[in-house]
Amino acid sequence: WSSDVCSSDLAELRRKGALAPVSLSGSELHQASVRGLVRAQPLPRADGVAALFLVNRTQRKADEVAAEIRTRFPDVNAVSGWPDGDVDLVLNATSLGLQPGDGSPLDESQFPLRRARAVYDMIYRPAETPLLRAAKAAGCATANGLGMLLYQGAKALELWTGGAQIPVGTMRAAAEAALQRK
């Protein structure tokens, strides 16, 4: 299966209003951690991302992924390291924020959140991570990973059922209720 056809990881980001007013087309993104999302997803090509700044615990890994993106998507300015200017979206693909006591994955001495229009944290429990709390305080639009989880499930059901209408609203209510119980 092609990730272009079956990718559901970015469905929430692509949906109108998920991070209003940010559109990924022509945007500049900063991603904390290079694992998974950028490599596995056709993010730069499918969404028209203009620039991608990658930060990872190991600089070598960020350098490798930035080079791979530049090779696969020559129109994308893929850089390993912190952006010098403002960005449209900061995307956290790390596990920092899952555990009580975790700090933010973003070093604000390197990149202050006030320079981002929006912040997306792939973590959905807790609903508000330290990163999202700091982003709200900085005036950023924010979203957590619950929508990503929801649309992954909806896409899977759609594929399994041959295109049946999926009750996304019902699924969201059930997921939110289940997360509140835990």
C-alpha atoms as a PDB file:
ATOM      1  CA  TRP A   1       0.000   0.000   0.000  1.00  0.00           C
ATOM      2  CA  SER A   2       1.229   3.469  -0.801  1.00  0.00           C
ATOM      3  CA  SER A   3       1.433   5.952   2.035  1.00  0.00           C
ATOM      4  CA  ASP A   4       0.045   8.494  -0.437  1.00  0.00           C
ATOM      5  CA  VAL A   5      -3.173   6.490  -0.649  1.00  0.00           C
ATOM      6  CA  CYS A   6      -3.581   5.179   2.892  1.00  0.00           C
ATOM      7  CA  SER A   7      -1.877   7.757   5.061  1.00  0.00           C
ATOM      8  CA  SER A   8      -4.078   8.733   7.972  1.00  0.00           C
ATOM      9  CA  ASP A   9      -1.499  10.278  10.313  1.00  0.00           C
ATOM     10  CA  LEU A  10      -1.991  13.755   8.927  1.00  0.00           C
ATOM     11  CA  ALA A  11      -5.734  13.615   8.325  1.00  0.00           C
ATOM     12  CA  GLU A  12      -6.454  15.853  11.319  1.00  0.00           C
ATOM     13  CA  LEU A  13      -3.892  18.425  10.209  1.00  0.00           C
ATOM     14  CA  ARG A  14      -5.385  18.470   6.732  1.00  0.00           C
ATOM     15  CA  ARG A  15      -8.952  18.943   7.950  1.00  0.00           C
ATOM     16  CA  LYS A  16     -10.222  22.490   7.792  1.00  0.00           C
ATOM     17  CA  GLY A  17     -10.134  24.096  11.198  1.00  0.00           C
ATOM     18  CA  ALA A  18      -7.870  21.544  12.906  1.00  0.00           C
ATOM     19  CA  LEU A  19      -5.285  24.252  13.468  1.00  0.00           C
ATOM     20  CA  ALA A  20      -7.035  27.295  12.069  1.00  0.00           C
ATOM     21  CA  PRO A  21      -5.731  29.579  10.661  1.00  0.00           C
ATOM     22  CA  VAL A  22      -2.689  27.497   9.617  1.00  0.00           C
ATOM     23  CA  SER A  23      -2.588  25.887   6.194  1.00  0.00           C
ATOM     24  CA  LEU A  24       0.259  23.480   5.505  1.00  0.00           C
ATOM     25  CA  SER A  25       0.506  24.664   1.911  1.00  0.00           C
ATOM     26  CA  GLY A  26       3.548  26.917   1.600  1.00  0.00           C
ATOM     27  CA  SER A  27       4.144  26.753   5.347  1.00  0.00           C
ATOM     28  CA  GLU A  28       7.297  26.500   7.387  1.00  0.00           C
ATOM     29  CA  LEU A  29       7.316  23.708   9.960  1.00  0.00           C
ATOM     30  CA  HIS A  30       9.539  22.902  12.888  1.00  0.00           C
ATOM     31  CA  GLN A  31       9.442  19.269  13.956  1.00  0.00           C
ATOM     32  CA  ALA A  32      10.784  18.050  17.273  1.00  0.00           C
ATOM     33  CA  SER A  33      12.082  14.519  16.621  1.00  0.00           C
ATOM     34  CA  VAL A  34      12.584  13.110  13.169  1.00  0.00           C
ATOM     35  CA  ARG A  35      11.249   9.639  13.838  1.00  0.00           C
ATOM     36  CA  GLY A  36       8.212   8.509  12.000  1.00  0.00           C
ATOM     37  CA  LEU A  37       6.100  11.311  10.678  1.00  0.00           C
ATOM     38  CA  VAL A  38       8.298  13.100   8.146  1.00  0.00           C
ATOM     39  CA  ARG A  39      10.006   9.972   6.882  1.00  0.00           C
ATOM     40  CA  ALA A  40       6.960   7.747   6.661  1.00  0.00           C
ATOM     41  CA  GLN A  41       4.532  10.355   5.425  1.00  0.00           C
ATOM     42  CA  PRO A  42       4.494  12.272   2.180  1.00  0.00           C
ATOM     43  CA  LEU A  43       4.212  15.472   4.235  1.00  0.00           C
ATOM     44  CA  PRO A  44       6.380  17.791   2.132  1.00  0.00           C
ATOM     45  CA  ARG A  45       4.958  16.738  -1.235  1.00  0.00           C
ATOM     46  CA  ALA A  46       1.319  16.161  -0.322  1.00  0.00           C
ATOM     47  CA  ASP A  47       0.840  19.302   1.691  1.00  0.00           C
ATOM     48  CA  GLY A  48       3.065  21.756  -0.161  1.00  0.00           C
ATOM     49  CA  VAL A  49       5.302  22.466   2.828  1.00  0.00           C
ATOM     50  CA  ALA A  50       7.913  25.056   1.830  1.00  0.00           C
ATOM     51  CA  ALA A  51      10.403  24.585   4.665  1.00  0.00           C
ATOM     52  CA  LEU A  52      10.972  21.971   7.331  1.00  0.00           C
ATOM     53  CA  PHE A  53      13.275  22.453  10.325  1.00  0.00           C
ATOM     54  CA  LEU A  54      14.170  19.180  12.032  1.00  0.00           C
ATOM     55  CA  VAL A  55      15.471  18.879  15.586  1.00  0.00           C
ATOM     56  CA  ASN A  56      16.329  15.542  17.149  1.00  0.00           C
ATOM     57  CA  ARG A  57      18.222  14.305  20.203  1.00  0.00           C
ATOM     58  CA  THR A  58      21.020  13.239  17.867  1.00  0.00           C
ATOM     59  CA  GLN A  59      22.162  15.823  15.343  1.00  0.00           C
ATOM     60  CA  ARG A  60      23.418  13.120  12.962  1.00  0.00           C
ATOM     61  CA  LYS A  61      19.922  11.646  12.658  1.00  0.00           C
ATOM     62  CA  ALA A  62      18.367  15.052  11.962  1.00  0.00           C
ATOM     63  CA  ASP A  63      21.054  15.683   9.322  1.00  0.00           C
ATOM     64  CA  GLU A  64      20.354  12.318   7.644  1.00  0.00           C
ATOM     65  CA  VAL A  65      16.596  12.839   7.504  1.00  0.00           C
ATOM     66  CA  ALA A  66      16.952  16.428   6.244  1.00  0.00           C
ATOM     67  CA  ALA A  67      19.238  15.164   3.459  1.00  0.00           C
ATOM     68  CA  GLU A  68      16.746  12.395   2.588  1.00  0.00           C
ATOM     69  CA  ILE A  69      13.894  14.909   2.395  1.00  0.00           C
ATOM     70  CA  ARG A  70      15.931  17.263   0.200  1.00  0.00           C
ATOM     71  CA  THR A  71      16.630  14.341  -2.149  1.00  0.00           C
ATOM     72  CA  ARG A  72      13.016  13.134  -2.277  1.00  0.00           C
ATOM     73  CA  PHE A  73      11.413  16.608  -2.273  1.00  0.00           C
ATOM     74  CA  PRO A  74      13.794  19.108  -3.902  1.00  0.00           C
ATOM     75  CA  ASP A  75      11.267  21.960  -3.580  1.00  0.00           C
ATOM     76  CA  VAL A  76      11.305  21.690   0.229  1.00  0.00           C
ATOM     77  CA  ASN A  77      13.923  23.566   2.204  1.00  0.00           C
ATOM     78  CA  ALA A  78      14.726  20.794   4.733  1.00  0.00           C
ATOM     79  CA  VAL A  79      17.152  21.938   7.418  1.00  0.00           C
ATOM     80  CA  SER A  80      18.393  20.188  10.518  1.00  0.00           C
ATOM     81  CA  GLY A  81      18.412  22.650  13.366  1.00  0.00           C
ATOM     82  CA  TRP A  82      16.401  25.437  14.905  1.00  0.00           C
ATOM     83  CA  PRO A  83      14.691  27.983  12.639  1.00  0.00           C
ATOM     84  CA  ASP A  84      15.992  31.558  12.681  1.00  0.00           C
ATOM     85  CA  GLY A  85      12.587  33.140  12.101  1.00  0.00           C
ATOM     86  CA  ASP A  86       8.904  32.507  12.635  1.00  0.00           C
ATOM     87  CA  VAL A  87       7.245  29.217  11.654  1.00  0.00           C
ATOM     88  CA  ASP A  88       3.671  28.291  10.899  1.00  0.00           C
ATOM     89  CA  LEU A  89       3.632  25.042  12.865  1.00  0.00           C
ATOM     90  CA  VAL A  90       5.675  23.286  15.536  1.00  0.00           C
ATOM     91  CA  LEU A  91       4.991  19.564  15.492  1.00  0.00           C
ATOM     92  CA  ASN A  92       6.062  17.361  18.403  1.00  0.00           C
ATOM     93  CA  ALA A  93       6.700  13.751  17.404  1.00  0.00           C
ATOM     94  CA  THR A  94       8.534  12.814  20.620  1.00  0.00           C
ATOM     95  CA  SER A  95       7.189  10.956  23.639  1.00  0.00           C
ATOM     96  CA  LEU A  96       8.067  13.841  25.982  1.00  0.00           C
ATOM     97  CA  GLY A  97       4.871  14.839  27.723  1.00  0.00           C
ATOM     98  CA  LEU A  98       3.405  11.358  28.128  1.00  0.00           C
ATOM     99  CA  GLN A  99       4.577  10.893  31.703  1.00  0.00           C
ATOM    100  CA  PRO A 100       3.824  13.071  34.739  1.00  0.00           C
ATOM    101  CA  GLY A 101       6.824  15.270  35.370  1.00  0.00           C
ATOM    102  CA  ASP A 102       7.954  15.319  31.736  1.00  0.00           C
ATOM    103  CA  GLY A 103       9.105  18.666  30.503  1.00  0.00           C
ATOM    104  CA  SER A 104       8.590  20.215  27.117  1.00  0.00           C
ATOM    105  CA  PRO A 105      10.482  18.748  24.157  1.00  0.00           C
ATOM    106  CA  LEU A 106      11.111  22.280  22.925  1.00  0.00           C
ATOM    107  CA  ASP A 107      14.100  24.279  24.139  1.00  0.00           C
ATOM    108  CA  GLU A 108      12.619  27.785  24.267  1.00  0.00           C
ATOM    109  CA  SER A 109      16.075  29.299  24.603  1.00  0.00           C
ATOM    110  CA  GLN A 110      16.656  27.976  21.066  1.00  0.00           C
ATOM    111  CA  PHE A 111      13.171  28.659  19.705  1.00  0.00           C
ATOM    112  CA  PRO A 112      10.616  30.730  21.648  1.00  0.00           C
ATOM    113  CA  LEU A 113       7.046  29.529  21.117  1.00  0.00           C
ATOM    114  CA  ARG A 114       5.854  33.063  20.408  1.00  0.00           C
ATOM    115  CA  ARG A 115       7.534  32.599  17.004  1.00  0.00           C
ATOM    116  CA  ALA A 116       5.070  29.808  16.059  1.00  0.00           C
ATOM    117  CA  ARG A 117       1.519  30.326  14.816  1.00  0.00           C
ATOM    118  CA  ALA A 118       0.421  26.842  15.927  1.00  0.00           C
ATOM    119  CA  VAL A 119       1.658  23.830  17.880  1.00  0.00           C
ATOM    120  CA  TYR A 120       0.568  20.238  17.288  1.00  0.00           C
ATOM    121  CA  ASP A 121       1.555  17.605  19.854  1.00  0.00           C
ATOM    122  CA  MET A 122       0.985  14.045  18.666  1.00  0.00           C
ATOM    123  CA  ILE A 123       0.405  12.999  22.287  1.00  0.00           C
ATOM    124  CA  TYR A 124      -3.277  12.761  23.228  1.00  0.00           C
ATOM    125  CA  ARG A 125      -2.992  11.708  26.866  1.00  0.00           C
ATOM    126  CA  PRO A 126      -2.682  13.914  28.743  1.00  0.00           C
ATOM    127  CA  ALA A 127      -4.854  16.157  26.603  1.00  0.00           C
ATOM    128  CA  GLU A 128      -2.719  19.161  27.503  1.00  0.00           C
ATOM    129  CA  THR A 129       1.002  18.440  27.622  1.00  0.00           C
ATOM    130  CA  PRO A 130       3.565  20.887  29.013  1.00  0.00           C
ATOM    131  CA  LEU A 131       4.319  21.880  25.401  1.00  0.00           C
ATOM    132  CA  LEU A 132       0.663  22.642  24.615  1.00  0.00           C
ATOM    133  CA  ARG A 133       0.243  24.533  27.897  1.00  0.00           C
ATOM    134  CA  ALA A 134       3.270  26.702  27.068  1.00  0.00           C
ATOM    135  CA  ALA A 135       2.054  27.176  23.480  1.00  0.00           C
ATOM    136  CA  LYS A 136      -1.359  28.399  24.671  1.00  0.00           C
ATOM    137  CA  ALA A 137       0.351  30.820  27.044  1.00  0.00           C
ATOM    138  CA  ALA A 138       2.402  32.097  24.093  1.00  0.00           C
ATOM    139  CA  GLY A 139      -0.773  32.698  22.075  1.00  0.00           C
ATOM    140  CA  CYS A 140      -0.399  29.794  19.631  1.00  0.00           C
ATOM    141  CA  ALA A 141      -3.261  27.764  18.177  1.00  0.00           C
ATOM    142  CA  THR A 142      -2.899  24.248  19.624  1.00  0.00           C
ATOM    143  CA  ALA A 143      -4.082  20.706  19.023  1.00  0.00           C
ATOM    144  CA  ASN A 144      -3.203  17.339  20.503  1.00  0.00           C
ATOM    145  CA  GLY A 145      -2.951  13.933  18.851  1.00  0.00           C
ATOM    146  CA  LEU A 146      -6.483  12.737  19.617  1.00  0.00           C
ATOM    147  CA  GLY A 147      -7.667  13.783  16.167  1.00  0.00           C
ATOM    148  CA  MET A 148      -4.805  11.860  14.590  1.00  0.00           C
ATOM    149  CA  LEU A 149      -5.747   8.730  16.544  1.00  0.00           C
ATOM    150  CA  LEU A 150      -9.406   9.234  15.668  1.00  0.00           C
ATOM    151  CA  TYR A 151      -8.828   9.610  11.937  1.00  0.00           C
ATOM    152  CA  GLN A 152      -6.412   6.661  11.869  1.00  0.00           C
ATOM    153  CA  GLY A 153      -9.233   4.532  13.292  1.00  0.00           C
ATOM    154  CA  ALA A 154     -11.827   6.021  10.950  1.00  0.00           C
ATOM    155  CA  LYS A 155      -9.613   5.407   7.905  1.00  0.00           C
ATOM    156  CA  ALA A 156      -8.991   1.820   9.024  1.00  0.00           C
ATOM    157  CA  LEU A 157     -12.738   1.218   9.427  1.00  0.00           C
ATOM    158  CA  GLU A 158     -13.413   2.766   6.042  1.00  0.00           C
ATOM    159  CA  LEU A 159     -10.844   0.474   4.406  1.00  0.00           C
ATOM    160  CA  TRP A 160     -12.112  -2.628   6.241  1.00  0.00           C
ATOM    161  CA  THR A 161     -15.747  -1.958   5.409  1.00  0.00           C
ATOM    162  CA  GLY A 162     -15.233  -1.061   1.771  1.00  0.00           C
ATOM    163  CA  GLY A 163     -15.967   2.635   2.150  1.00  0.00           C
ATOM    164  CA  ALA A 164     -18.815   2.685   4.670  1.00  0.00           C
ATOM    165  CA  GLN A 165     -19.782   6.043   6.194  1.00  0.00           C
ATOM    166  CA  ILE A 166     -17.818   6.288   9.446  1.00  0.00           C
ATOM    167  CA  PRO A 167     -19.462   8.028  12.454  1.00  0.00           C
ATOM    168  CA  VAL A 168     -16.485  10.213  13.334  1.00  0.00           C
ATOM    169  CA  GLY A 169     -18.477  12.368  15.779  1.00  0.00           C
ATOM    170  CA  THR A 170     -19.583   9.295  17.729  1.00  0.00           C
ATOM    171  CA  MET A 171     -16.038   7.932  17.687  1.00  0.00           C
ATOM    172  CA  ARG A 172     -14.643  11.258  18.989  1.00  0.00           C
ATOM    173  CA  ALA A 173     -17.185  11.365  21.845  1.00  0.00           C
ATOM    174  CA  ALA A 174     -16.352   7.775  22.821  1.00  0.00           C
ATOM    175  CA  ALA A 175     -12.602   8.412  22.686  1.00  0.00           C
ATOM    176  CA  GLU A 176     -12.883  11.572  24.786  1.00  0.00           C
ATOM    177  CA  ALA A 177     -15.059   9.780  27.352  1.00  0.00           C
ATOM    178  CA  ALA A 178     -12.637   6.841  27.539  1.00  0.00           C
ATOM    179  CA  LEU A 179      -9.637   9.137  28.024  1.00  0.00           C
ATOM    180  CA  GLN A 180     -11.406  11.015  30.824  1.00  0.00           C
ATOM    181  CA  ARG A 181     -11.994   7.718  32.697  1.00  0.00           C
ATOM    182  CA  LYS A 182      -8.317   6.796  32.688  1.00  0.00           C
END
